[in-house]
C-alpha atoms as a PDB file:
ATOM      1  CA  UNK A   1       0.032   0.016   0.017  1.00  0.00           C
ATOM      2  CA  UNK A   2       1.337   3.401  -0.914  1.00  0.00           C
ATOM      3  CA  UNK A   3       0.099   6.969  -0.227  1.00  0.00           C
ATOM      4  CA  UNK A   4       1.457  10.351  -0.874  1.00  0.00           C
ATOM      5  CA  UNK A   5       1.808  13.130   1.697  1.00  0.00           C
ATOM      6  CA  UNK A   6       2.528  16.738   1.064  1.00  0.00           C
ATOM      7  CA  UNK A   7       3.509  19.621   3.312  1.00  0.00           C
ATOM      8  CA  UNK A   8       1.302  22.400   2.182  1.00  0.00           C
ATOM      9  CA  UNK A   9       2.556  24.741   4.953  1.00  0.00           C
ATOM     10  CA  UNK A  10       5.302  27.314   4.934  1.00  0.00           C
ATOM     11  CA  UNK A  11       7.489  25.548   7.576  1.00  0.00           C
ATOM     12  CA  UNK A  12       9.207  22.224   7.856  1.00  0.00           C
ATOM     13  CA  UNK A  13       7.114  19.693   9.697  1.00  0.00           C
ATOM     14  CA  UNK A  14       6.291  16.084  10.474  1.00  0.00           C
ATOM     15  CA  UNK A  15       3.261  13.854  10.322  1.00  0.00           C
ATOM     16  CA  UNK A  16       2.577  10.320  11.623  1.00  0.00           C
ATOM     17  CA  UNK A  17       0.827   8.328   8.970  1.00  0.00           C
ATOM     18  CA  UNK A  18      -1.241   5.422  10.394  1.00  0.00           C
ATOM     19  CA  UNK A  19      -2.556   2.440   8.667  1.00  0.00           C
ATOM     20  CA  UNK A  20      -5.567   0.619  10.082  1.00  0.00           C
ATOM     21  CA  UNK A  21      -7.426  -2.534   8.962  1.00  0.00           C
ATOM     22  CA  UNK A  22     -10.637  -4.181   9.828  1.00  0.00           C
ATOM     23  CA  UNK A  23     -13.097  -6.662   8.481  1.00  0.00           C
ATOM     24  CA  UNK A  24     -15.952  -5.177   6.463  1.00  0.00           C
ATOM     25  CA  UNK A  25     -18.442  -7.372   8.228  1.00  0.00           C
ATOM     26  CA  UNK A  26     -16.908  -6.968  11.657  1.00  0.00           C
ATOM     27  CA  UNK A  27     -17.941  -9.695  14.136  1.00  0.00           C
ATOM     28  CA  UNK A  28     -19.215  -8.311  17.514  1.00  0.00           C
ATOM     29  CA  UNK A  29     -16.095  -9.603  19.394  1.00  0.00           C
ATOM     30  CA  UNK A  30     -13.596  -7.737  16.997  1.00  0.00           C
ATOM     31  CA  UNK A  31     -12.710  -4.085  16.787  1.00  0.00           C
ATOM     32  CA  UNK A  32     -13.909  -2.132  13.731  1.00  0.00           C
ATOM     33  CA  UNK A  33     -10.374  -0.956  13.038  1.00  0.00           C
ATOM     34  CA  UNK A  34      -6.985  -1.916  14.342  1.00  0.00           C
ATOM     35  CA  UNK A  35      -3.674  -0.040  14.001  1.00  0.00           C
ATOM     36  CA  UNK A  36      -1.256  -2.142  12.007  1.00  0.00           C
ATOM     37  CA  UNK A  37       1.489   0.209  10.892  1.00  0.00           C
ATOM     38  CA  UNK A  38       2.656   3.765  11.291  1.00  0.00           C
ATOM     39  CA  UNK A  39       5.525   5.987   9.995  1.00  0.00           C
ATOM     40  CA  UNK A  40       6.718   9.394  10.923  1.00  0.00           C
ATOM     41  CA  UNK A  41       7.424  11.507   7.928  1.00  0.00           C
ATOM     42  CA  UNK A  42       9.507  14.747   7.993  1.00  0.00           C
ATOM     43  CA  UNK A  43       8.791  17.198   5.181  1.00  0.00           C
ATOM     44  CA  UNK A  44      10.160  20.453   3.984  1.00  0.00           C
ATOM     45  CA  UNK A  45       7.665  23.187   2.744  1.00  0.00           C
ATOM     46  CA  UNK A  46       6.035  21.999  -0.420  1.00  0.00           C
ATOM     47  CA  UNK A  47       7.728  18.591  -0.339  1.00  0.00           C
ATOM     48  CA  UNK A  48       5.816  15.459  -1.241  1.00  0.00           C
ATOM     49  CA  UNK A  49       6.792  11.974  -0.294  1.00  0.00           C
ATOM     50  CA  UNK A  50       5.466   8.517  -0.987  1.00  0.00           C
ATOM     51  CA  UNK A  51       4.824   6.303   2.057  1.00  0.00           C
ATOM     52  CA  UNK A  52       4.803   2.574   1.596  1.00  0.00           C
ATOM     53  CA  UNK A  53       3.244   0.059   3.996  1.00  0.00           C
ATOM     54  CA  UNK A  54       3.305  -3.782   3.643  1.00  0.00           C
ATOM     55  CA  UNK A  55       0.594  -5.948   5.192  1.00  0.00           C
ATOM     56  CA  UNK A  56       0.902  -9.675   5.545  1.00  0.00           C
ATOM     57  CA  UNK A  57      -1.813 -12.242   6.113  1.00  0.00           C
ATOM     58  CA  UNK A  58      -0.487 -12.948   9.649  1.00  0.00           C
ATOM     59  CA  UNK A  59      -0.955  -9.179  10.442  1.00  0.00           C
ATOM     60  CA  UNK A  60      -4.717  -9.788  10.046  1.00  0.00           C
ATOM     61  CA  UNK A  61      -4.806 -12.786  12.400  1.00  0.00           C
ATOM     62  CA  UNK A  62      -6.723 -12.784  15.713  1.00  0.00           C
ATOM     63  CA  UNK A  63      -6.658 -15.273  18.559  1.00  0.00           C
ATOM     64  CA  UNK A  64      -9.409 -17.803  18.143  1.00  0.00           C
ATOM     65  CA  UNK A  65     -10.313 -19.114  21.599  1.00  0.00           C
ATOM     66  CA  UNK A  66     -12.513 -21.954  20.386  1.00  0.00           C
ATOM     67  CA  UNK A  67      -9.648 -23.278  18.275  1.00  0.00           C
ATOM     68  CA  UNK A  68      -6.906 -22.132  20.684  1.00  0.00           C
ATOM     69  CA  UNK A  69      -4.819 -20.737  17.762  1.00  0.00           C
ATOM     70  CA  UNK A  70      -4.152 -17.687  15.605  1.00  0.00           C
ATOM     71  CA  UNK A  71      -6.744 -17.335  12.715  1.00  0.00           C
ATOM     72  CA  UNK A  72      -7.052 -15.012   9.795  1.00  0.00           C
ATOM     73  CA  UNK A  73     -10.626 -14.689   8.516  1.00  0.00           C
ATOM     74  CA  UNK A  74     -11.448 -14.837   4.854  1.00  0.00           C
ATOM     75  CA  UNK A  75     -13.427 -12.057   3.378  1.00  0.00           C
ATOM     76  CA  UNK A  76     -13.251  -8.310   2.688  1.00  0.00           C
ATOM     77  CA  UNK A  77     -11.239  -6.078   4.815  1.00  0.00           C
ATOM     78  CA  UNK A  78     -11.145  -2.216   5.082  1.00  0.00           C
ATOM     79  CA  UNK A  79      -7.806  -0.380   4.557  1.00  0.00           C
ATOM     80  CA  UNK A  80      -7.757   3.088   6.157  1.00  0.00           C
ATOM     81  CA  UNK A  81      -4.989   5.620   6.306  1.00  0.00           C
ATOM     82  CA  UNK A  82      -4.925   8.817   8.256  1.00  0.00           C
ATOM     83  CA  UNK A  83      -2.969  10.815  10.863  1.00  0.00           C
ATOM     84  CA  UNK A  84      -5.291   9.296  13.739  1.00  0.00           C
ATOM     85  CA  UNK A  85      -8.137   6.779  14.008  1.00  0.00           C
ATOM     86  CA  UNK A  86     -10.522   9.749  13.713  1.00  0.00           C
ATOM     87  CA  UNK A  87      -8.592  11.454  11.001  1.00  0.00           C
ATOM     88  CA  UNK A  88      -8.871   8.885   8.255  1.00  0.00           C
ATOM     89  CA  UNK A  89      -8.098  10.457   4.719  1.00  0.00           C
ATOM     90  CA  UNK A  90      -7.903   7.351   2.559  1.00  0.00           C
ATOM     91  CA  UNK A  91     -10.156   4.256   2.441  1.00  0.00           C
ATOM     92  CA  UNK A  92     -10.089   1.110   0.469  1.00  0.00           C
ATOM     93  CA  UNK A  93     -10.976  -2.559   0.581  1.00  0.00           C
ATOM     94  CA  UNK A  94      -9.143  -5.824  -0.094  1.00  0.00           C
ATOM     95  CA  UNK A  95     -10.097  -9.447  -0.274  1.00  0.00           C
ATOM     96  CA  UNK A  96      -8.481 -12.229   1.839  1.00  0.00           C
ATOM     97  CA  UNK A  97      -8.894 -15.694   0.301  1.00  0.00           C
END
């Protein structure tokens, strides 16, 4: 997953880009979104950078108490990027088979 970030201000700055995932049909016992990755990016005024995140199947796993093991559910997942859980700027979905 890649996204671009631009400093539109007049001073150098930094932003923490956060990547969340969650199942589209979230079971009641699972969170709607979970923080999976984050990166702090430093930018000069007007500078644009591409931020790359990698998500592996095991990153989506949760502990299955019935089976007493880690499990990754099949189905559609949300992919959310922002500067906080409330500040989501990009949204997409992907399928786990």
